[in-house]
N, C-alpha and C. Protein backbone atom coordinates (compact mmCIF):
# COMPACT_ATOMS: atom_id res chain seq x y z
N MET A 1 14.79 -5.27 -20.21
CA MET A 1 14.52 -6.65 -19.85
C MET A 1 13.30 -6.68 -18.93
N SER A 2 12.38 -7.54 -19.25
CA SER A 2 11.14 -7.65 -18.49
C SER A 2 11.28 -8.72 -17.41
N GLU A 3 10.79 -8.38 -16.22
CA GLU A 3 10.84 -9.32 -15.11
C GLU A 3 9.53 -10.09 -15.05
N LEU A 4 9.61 -11.38 -14.83
CA LEU A 4 8.40 -12.19 -14.72
C LEU A 4 7.69 -11.87 -13.42
N LEU A 5 6.38 -11.69 -13.52
CA LEU A 5 5.58 -11.43 -12.34
C LEU A 5 4.86 -12.72 -11.97
N TRP A 6 4.92 -13.06 -10.72
CA TRP A 6 4.25 -14.27 -10.26
C TRP A 6 2.86 -13.95 -9.73
N LYS A 7 2.61 -12.72 -9.42
CA LYS A 7 1.30 -12.29 -8.95
C LYS A 7 0.76 -11.24 -9.91
N THR A 8 -0.55 -11.22 -10.02
CA THR A 8 -1.18 -10.18 -10.83
C THR A 8 -1.31 -8.91 -10.00
N PRO A 9 -1.53 -7.77 -10.64
CA PRO A 9 -1.76 -6.54 -9.87
C PRO A 9 -2.92 -6.69 -8.89
N THR A 10 -3.97 -7.38 -9.31
CA THR A 10 -5.11 -7.59 -8.42
C THR A 10 -4.72 -8.40 -7.20
N GLU A 11 -3.93 -9.42 -7.38
CA GLU A 11 -3.49 -10.25 -6.25
C GLU A 11 -2.62 -9.44 -5.29
N ILE A 12 -1.77 -8.61 -5.82
CA ILE A 12 -0.90 -7.79 -4.98
C ILE A 12 -1.72 -6.80 -4.16
N THR A 13 -2.67 -6.13 -4.80
CA THR A 13 -3.48 -5.16 -4.06
C THR A 13 -4.40 -5.85 -3.05
N LEU A 14 -4.90 -7.02 -3.38
CA LEU A 14 -5.72 -7.76 -2.41
C LEU A 14 -4.90 -8.19 -1.20
N ASP A 15 -3.67 -8.61 -1.44
CA ASP A 15 -2.78 -8.98 -0.32
C ASP A 15 -2.54 -7.77 0.58
N LEU A 16 -2.31 -6.61 -0.02
CA LEU A 16 -2.11 -5.39 0.76
C LEU A 16 -3.36 -5.07 1.57
N ALA A 17 -4.51 -5.18 0.95
CA ALA A 17 -5.78 -4.91 1.65
C ALA A 17 -5.97 -5.88 2.81
N LYS A 18 -5.62 -7.13 2.61
CA LYS A 18 -5.75 -8.12 3.69
C LYS A 18 -4.84 -7.77 4.86
N ARG A 19 -3.63 -7.29 4.56
CA ARG A 19 -2.71 -6.91 5.64
C ARG A 19 -3.24 -5.73 6.43
N ILE A 20 -3.77 -4.73 5.72
CA ILE A 20 -4.34 -3.57 6.40
C ILE A 20 -5.55 -4.00 7.24
N LYS A 21 -6.39 -4.84 6.69
CA LYS A 21 -7.57 -5.33 7.41
C LYS A 21 -7.16 -6.09 8.67
N ARG A 22 -6.14 -6.92 8.54
CA ARG A 22 -5.66 -7.71 9.69
C ARG A 22 -5.16 -6.77 10.80
N ILE A 23 -4.44 -5.73 10.42
CA ILE A 23 -3.96 -4.76 11.42
C ILE A 23 -5.14 -4.04 12.06
N ARG A 24 -6.08 -3.60 11.25
CA ARG A 24 -7.26 -2.92 11.78
C ARG A 24 -8.01 -3.80 12.77
N ARG A 25 -8.22 -5.04 12.41
CA ARG A 25 -8.97 -5.96 13.28
C ARG A 25 -8.18 -6.30 14.54
N ARG A 26 -6.87 -6.45 14.40
CA ARG A 26 -6.02 -6.74 15.56
C ARG A 26 -6.11 -5.62 16.59
N ARG A 27 -6.25 -4.40 16.10
CA ARG A 27 -6.36 -3.24 16.98
C ARG A 27 -7.80 -2.96 17.41
N LYS A 28 -8.70 -3.86 16.98
CA LYS A 28 -10.12 -3.78 17.36
C LYS A 28 -10.74 -2.44 16.93
N ILE A 29 -10.45 -2.07 15.69
CA ILE A 29 -11.02 -0.86 15.10
C ILE A 29 -12.00 -1.32 14.02
N THR A 30 -13.21 -0.81 14.06
CA THR A 30 -14.18 -1.16 13.03
C THR A 30 -13.89 -0.38 11.75
N GLN A 31 -14.47 -0.83 10.66
CA GLN A 31 -14.31 -0.11 9.40
C GLN A 31 -14.85 1.31 9.54
N LYS A 32 -15.99 1.45 10.18
CA LYS A 32 -16.58 2.79 10.33
C LYS A 32 -15.70 3.69 11.18
N GLN A 33 -15.09 3.14 12.23
CA GLN A 33 -14.20 3.94 13.07
C GLN A 33 -12.97 4.38 12.28
N LEU A 34 -12.36 3.45 11.55
CA LEU A 34 -11.17 3.80 10.78
C LEU A 34 -11.51 4.82 9.69
N ALA A 35 -12.64 4.64 9.07
CA ALA A 35 -13.06 5.59 8.03
C ALA A 35 -13.20 6.99 8.62
N ALA A 36 -13.85 7.08 9.75
CA ALA A 36 -14.06 8.39 10.38
C ALA A 36 -12.73 9.00 10.83
N ARG A 37 -11.89 8.20 11.44
CA ARG A 37 -10.61 8.71 11.95
C ARG A 37 -9.67 9.15 10.83
N SER A 38 -9.71 8.43 9.72
CA SER A 38 -8.77 8.72 8.63
C SER A 38 -9.35 9.69 7.60
N ASN A 39 -10.62 10.04 7.74
CA ASN A 39 -11.29 10.92 6.78
C ASN A 39 -11.35 10.28 5.39
N VAL A 40 -11.55 8.96 5.37
CA VAL A 40 -11.77 8.20 4.15
C VAL A 40 -13.19 7.69 4.24
N SER A 41 -13.94 7.74 3.16
CA SER A 41 -15.33 7.30 3.25
C SER A 41 -15.40 5.82 3.62
N TYR A 42 -16.45 5.51 4.34
CA TYR A 42 -16.68 4.11 4.74
C TYR A 42 -16.78 3.23 3.50
N ALA A 43 -17.46 3.71 2.47
CA ALA A 43 -17.61 2.92 1.23
C ALA A 43 -16.25 2.65 0.59
N SER A 44 -15.37 3.63 0.60
CA SER A 44 -14.02 3.44 0.02
C SER A 44 -13.22 2.42 0.81
N LEU A 45 -13.29 2.52 2.13
CA LEU A 45 -12.56 1.57 2.97
C LEU A 45 -13.10 0.16 2.79
N ARG A 46 -14.41 0.03 2.77
CA ARG A 46 -15.03 -1.29 2.59
C ARG A 46 -14.65 -1.87 1.23
N LYS A 47 -14.70 -1.05 0.19
CA LYS A 47 -14.32 -1.50 -1.15
C LYS A 47 -12.86 -1.93 -1.18
N PHE A 48 -12.00 -1.16 -0.52
CA PHE A 48 -10.58 -1.50 -0.47
C PHE A 48 -10.37 -2.87 0.16
N GLU A 49 -11.00 -3.11 1.28
CA GLU A 49 -10.81 -4.39 1.97
C GLU A 49 -11.39 -5.56 1.16
N GLN A 50 -12.35 -5.30 0.32
CA GLN A 50 -12.96 -6.36 -0.49
C GLN A 50 -12.26 -6.59 -1.82
N THR A 51 -11.79 -5.50 -2.44
CA THR A 51 -11.27 -5.61 -3.81
C THR A 51 -9.81 -5.20 -3.96
N GLY A 52 -9.28 -4.49 -2.97
CA GLY A 52 -7.91 -3.97 -3.08
C GLY A 52 -7.84 -2.65 -3.80
N GLN A 53 -8.97 -2.11 -4.25
CA GLN A 53 -8.97 -0.86 -5.01
C GLN A 53 -9.20 0.33 -4.08
N ILE A 54 -8.29 1.31 -4.19
CA ILE A 54 -8.39 2.53 -3.38
C ILE A 54 -7.48 3.57 -4.00
N SER A 55 -7.78 4.83 -3.77
CA SER A 55 -6.88 5.87 -4.28
C SER A 55 -5.63 5.91 -3.40
N LEU A 56 -4.57 6.41 -3.97
CA LEU A 56 -3.32 6.51 -3.22
C LEU A 56 -3.46 7.46 -2.04
N ILE A 57 -4.19 8.55 -2.22
CA ILE A 57 -4.36 9.50 -1.12
C ILE A 57 -5.15 8.86 0.02
N SER A 58 -6.17 8.06 -0.30
CA SER A 58 -6.93 7.39 0.76
C SER A 58 -6.09 6.33 1.46
N LEU A 59 -5.28 5.60 0.70
CA LEU A 59 -4.39 4.62 1.32
C LEU A 59 -3.41 5.32 2.26
N THR A 60 -2.91 6.46 1.85
CA THR A 60 -1.99 7.21 2.69
C THR A 60 -2.66 7.65 3.98
N LYS A 61 -3.89 8.13 3.88
CA LYS A 61 -4.63 8.54 5.07
C LYS A 61 -4.83 7.37 6.03
N ILE A 62 -5.16 6.21 5.49
CA ILE A 62 -5.37 5.02 6.33
C ILE A 62 -4.08 4.61 7.02
N THR A 63 -2.97 4.61 6.26
CA THR A 63 -1.70 4.22 6.87
C THR A 63 -1.27 5.23 7.94
N MET A 64 -1.58 6.48 7.73
CA MET A 64 -1.26 7.49 8.75
C MET A 64 -2.04 7.22 10.02
N GLU A 65 -3.31 6.92 9.89
CA GLU A 65 -4.15 6.66 11.06
C GLU A 65 -3.71 5.39 11.79
N LEU A 66 -3.24 4.41 11.05
CA LEU A 66 -2.81 3.15 11.68
C LEU A 66 -1.35 3.19 12.13
N GLY A 67 -0.68 4.32 11.93
CA GLY A 67 0.72 4.43 12.34
C GLY A 67 1.67 3.66 11.44
N LEU A 68 1.29 3.51 10.18
CA LEU A 68 2.09 2.74 9.22
C LEU A 68 2.67 3.59 8.11
N VAL A 69 2.54 4.91 8.24
CA VAL A 69 2.94 5.79 7.14
C VAL A 69 4.43 5.68 6.83
N ASN A 70 5.25 5.37 7.80
CA ASN A 70 6.69 5.23 7.52
C ASN A 70 6.95 4.11 6.53
N GLU A 71 6.19 3.02 6.65
CA GLU A 71 6.37 1.92 5.69
C GLU A 71 6.01 2.36 4.29
N LEU A 72 4.94 3.13 4.16
CA LEU A 72 4.53 3.63 2.86
C LEU A 72 5.54 4.66 2.35
N ASP A 73 6.01 5.51 3.23
CA ASP A 73 6.96 6.56 2.87
C ASP A 73 8.30 5.98 2.41
N GLU A 74 8.62 4.79 2.85
CA GLU A 74 9.91 4.19 2.51
C GLU A 74 9.87 3.32 1.25
N LEU A 75 8.70 3.23 0.63
CA LEU A 75 8.62 2.46 -0.62
C LEU A 75 9.55 3.05 -1.67
N PHE A 76 10.24 2.21 -2.34
CA PHE A 76 11.09 2.57 -3.48
C PHE A 76 12.29 3.44 -3.08
N THR A 77 12.67 3.43 -1.81
CA THR A 77 13.83 4.22 -1.40
C THR A 77 15.14 3.46 -1.58
N GLN A 78 15.06 2.15 -1.59
CA GLN A 78 16.25 1.33 -1.81
C GLN A 78 16.26 0.89 -3.26
N PRO A 79 17.25 1.33 -4.03
CA PRO A 79 17.24 1.00 -5.45
C PRO A 79 17.37 -0.50 -5.70
N VAL A 80 16.63 -0.96 -6.67
CA VAL A 80 16.74 -2.34 -7.15
C VAL A 80 17.20 -2.24 -8.59
N TYR A 81 18.45 -2.60 -8.80
CA TYR A 81 19.04 -2.48 -10.13
C TYR A 81 18.83 -3.77 -10.91
N LEU A 82 18.48 -3.62 -12.18
CA LEU A 82 18.27 -4.78 -13.04
C LEU A 82 19.46 -5.03 -13.96
N SER A 83 20.39 -4.07 -14.01
CA SER A 83 21.58 -4.24 -14.85
C SER A 83 22.68 -3.32 -14.37
N ILE A 84 23.90 -3.59 -14.80
CA ILE A 84 25.03 -2.73 -14.46
C ILE A 84 24.85 -1.36 -15.13
N GLU A 85 24.23 -1.35 -16.30
CA GLU A 85 23.97 -0.09 -16.99
C GLU A 85 23.08 0.81 -16.14
N GLU A 86 22.10 0.22 -15.50
CA GLU A 86 21.21 1.00 -14.64
C GLU A 86 21.97 1.57 -13.45
N VAL A 87 22.90 0.82 -12.90
CA VAL A 87 23.73 1.32 -11.80
C VAL A 87 24.53 2.53 -12.26
N LEU A 88 25.14 2.41 -13.42
CA LEU A 88 25.95 3.50 -13.96
C LEU A 88 25.09 4.73 -14.26
N ASN A 89 23.91 4.51 -14.79
CA ASN A 89 23.01 5.63 -15.07
C ASN A 89 22.60 6.34 -13.79
N ASP A 90 22.38 5.57 -12.73
CA ASP A 90 21.97 6.15 -11.46
C ASP A 90 23.09 7.00 -10.87
N LYS A 91 24.29 6.60 -11.06
CA LYS A 91 25.44 7.35 -10.53
C LYS A 91 25.58 8.71 -11.21
N GLN A 92 25.07 8.81 -12.44
CA GLN A 92 25.16 10.07 -13.19
C GLN A 92 24.06 11.04 -12.82
N LEU A 93 23.05 10.59 -12.13
CA LEU A 93 21.91 11.47 -11.78
C LEU A 93 22.20 12.35 -10.61
């Protein structure tokens, strides 16, 4: 069964980029400072904040530098079941 998506992948990644940017700015860290501290290129960080596009490893480095890695690490840890069959299948794993 397919779930309806209300946001596009681009919208979701842009929202994530906006949240990271807001945290960075709230902490008064420039893009160049965050790039240097996280060992992510300035161009990659700037592109991420503008387009939402970034590699997973670079996103992980940024979240580590901002003290947000626990939020990233906890993604998908709480199961979201779409059917009773899925619950039963999970119990067998």
